Amino acid sequence: MTNEKFKEMIEFAIQQEQEAVDFYTELAGKVGEPHVKETLLDFANQERGHKAKAGKAPRRVSAPSVPGR
């Protein structure tokens, strides 16, 4: 895998996580039941965590290590 392809993959994942945050947050704003709203906001927070982890991922593929070097 090329560094550029790997970078694109990570950036795509970050974008998808943000879309999930937005989706759950928007739904939470539309429901009246407190327990449903709380669950949706919890989902949004979980997606924020995923986004943060993806954001910490390297943006390039390291060269494979060679034993003995």
C-alpha atoms as a PDB file:
ATOM      1  CA  MET A   1       0.000   0.000   0.000  1.00  0.00           C
ATOM      2  CA  THR A   2       1.327   3.417  -0.863  1.00  0.00           C
ATOM      3  CA  ASN A   3       1.641   6.198   1.699  1.00  0.00           C
ATOM      4  CA  GLU A   4      -0.822   8.303  -0.293  1.00  0.00           C
ATOM      5  CA  LYS A   5      -3.443   5.516  -0.336  1.00  0.00           C
ATOM      6  CA  PHE A   6      -3.013   4.928   3.396  1.00  0.00           C
ATOM      7  CA  LYS A   7      -3.376   8.663   4.091  1.00  0.00           C
ATOM      8  CA  GLU A   8      -6.561   8.756   1.991  1.00  0.00           C
ATOM      9  CA  MET A   9      -7.934   5.775   3.891  1.00  0.00           C
ATOM     10  CA  ILE A  10      -7.339   7.407   7.296  1.00  0.00           C
ATOM     11  CA  GLU A  11      -8.811  10.708   6.136  1.00  0.00           C
ATOM     12  CA  PHE A  12     -11.872   8.867   4.810  1.00  0.00           C
ATOM     13  CA  ALA A  13     -12.306   7.122   8.168  1.00  0.00           C
ATOM     14  CA  ILE A  14     -12.110  10.449   9.999  1.00  0.00           C
ATOM     15  CA  GLN A  15     -14.727  11.921   7.673  1.00  0.00           C
ATOM     16  CA  GLN A  16     -17.048   8.958   8.197  1.00  0.00           C
ATOM     17  CA  GLU A  17     -16.726   9.220  11.970  1.00  0.00           C
ATOM     18  CA  GLN A  18     -17.624  12.933  11.818  1.00  0.00           C
ATOM     19  CA  GLU A  19     -20.660  12.141   9.685  1.00  0.00           C
ATOM     20  CA  ALA A  20     -21.751   9.600  12.293  1.00  0.00           C
ATOM     21  CA  VAL A  21     -21.318  12.208  15.067  1.00  0.00           C
ATOM     22  CA  ASP A  22     -23.439  14.655  13.105  1.00  0.00           C
ATOM     23  CA  PHE A  23     -26.081  12.006  12.371  1.00  0.00           C
ATOM     24  CA  TYR A  24     -26.528  10.906  15.993  1.00  0.00           C
ATOM     25  CA  THR A  25     -26.435  14.478  17.289  1.00  0.00           C
ATOM     26  CA  GLU A  26     -29.074  15.573  14.796  1.00  0.00           C
ATOM     27  CA  LEU A  27     -31.317  12.642  15.694  1.00  0.00           C
ATOM     28  CA  ALA A  28     -30.906  13.376  19.392  1.00  0.00           C
ATOM     29  CA  GLY A  29     -32.189  16.878  18.736  1.00  0.00           C
ATOM     30  CA  LYS A  30     -35.343  15.503  17.139  1.00  0.00           C
ATOM     31  CA  VAL A  31     -36.481  13.010  19.768  1.00  0.00           C
ATOM     32  CA  GLY A  32     -38.473  13.796  22.853  1.00  0.00           C
ATOM     33  CA  GLU A  33     -37.791  10.733  24.952  1.00  0.00           C
ATOM     34  CA  PRO A  34     -34.929  11.494  27.339  1.00  0.00           C
ATOM     35  CA  HIS A  35     -33.578   7.925  27.379  1.00  0.00           C
ATOM     36  CA  VAL A  36     -33.471   7.808  23.567  1.00  0.00           C
ATOM     37  CA  LYS A  37     -31.795  11.222  23.408  1.00  0.00           C
ATOM     38  CA  GLU A  38     -29.214  10.094  25.977  1.00  0.00           C
ATOM     39  CA  THR A  39     -28.488   6.924  24.004  1.00  0.00           C
ATOM     40  CA  LEU A  40     -28.047   8.846  20.746  1.00  0.00           C
ATOM     41  CA  LEU A  41     -25.729  11.362  22.389  1.00  0.00           C
ATOM     42  CA  ASP A  42     -23.747   8.474  23.856  1.00  0.00           C
ATOM     43  CA  PHE A  43     -23.412   7.036  20.347  1.00  0.00           C
ATOM     44  CA  ALA A  44     -22.201  10.435  19.122  1.00  0.00           C
ATOM     45  CA  ASN A  45     -19.589  10.531  21.883  1.00  0.00           C
ATOM     46  CA  GLN A  46     -18.387   7.051  20.967  1.00  0.00           C
ATOM     47  CA  GLU A  47     -17.972   8.191  17.362  1.00  0.00           C
ATOM     48  CA  ARG A  48     -15.987  11.212  18.577  1.00  0.00           C
ATOM     49  CA  GLY A  49     -13.661   8.782  20.320  1.00  0.00           C
ATOM     50  CA  HIS A  50     -13.243   6.778  17.120  1.00  0.00           C
ATOM     51  CA  LYS A  51     -12.496   9.980  15.229  1.00  0.00           C
ATOM     52  CA  ALA A  52      -9.884  10.976  17.794  1.00  0.00           C
ATOM     53  CA  LYS A  53      -8.186   7.576  17.515  1.00  0.00           C
ATOM     54  CA  ALA A  54      -8.177   7.772  13.736  1.00  0.00           C
ATOM     55  CA  GLY A  55      -6.765  11.278  13.986  1.00  0.00           C
ATOM     56  CA  LYS A  56      -3.792   9.921  15.907  1.00  0.00           C
ATOM     57  CA  ALA A  57      -3.043   7.275  13.284  1.00  0.00           C
ATOM     58  CA  PRO A  58       0.118   7.765  11.247  1.00  0.00           C
ATOM     59  CA  ARG A  59      -0.373   9.210   7.787  1.00  0.00           C
ATOM     60  CA  ARG A  60       2.224   7.009   6.172  1.00  0.00           C
ATOM     61  CA  VAL A  61       3.055   3.358   5.995  1.00  0.00           C
ATOM     62  CA  SER A  62       6.342   2.478   7.588  1.00  0.00           C
ATOM     63  CA  ALA A  63       8.841   0.450   5.633  1.00  0.00           C
ATOM     64  CA  PRO A  64       8.762  -3.173   6.732  1.00  0.00           C
ATOM     65  CA  SER A  65      11.404  -4.053   9.276  1.00  0.00           C
ATOM     66  CA  VAL A  66      14.091  -6.465   8.231  1.00  0.00           C
ATOM     67  CA  PRO A  67      15.282  -8.888  10.922  1.00  0.00           C
ATOM     68  CA  GLY A  68      18.955  -8.524  11.770  1.00  0.00           C
ATOM     69  CA  ARG A  69      19.235  -4.872  10.718  1.00  0.00           C
END
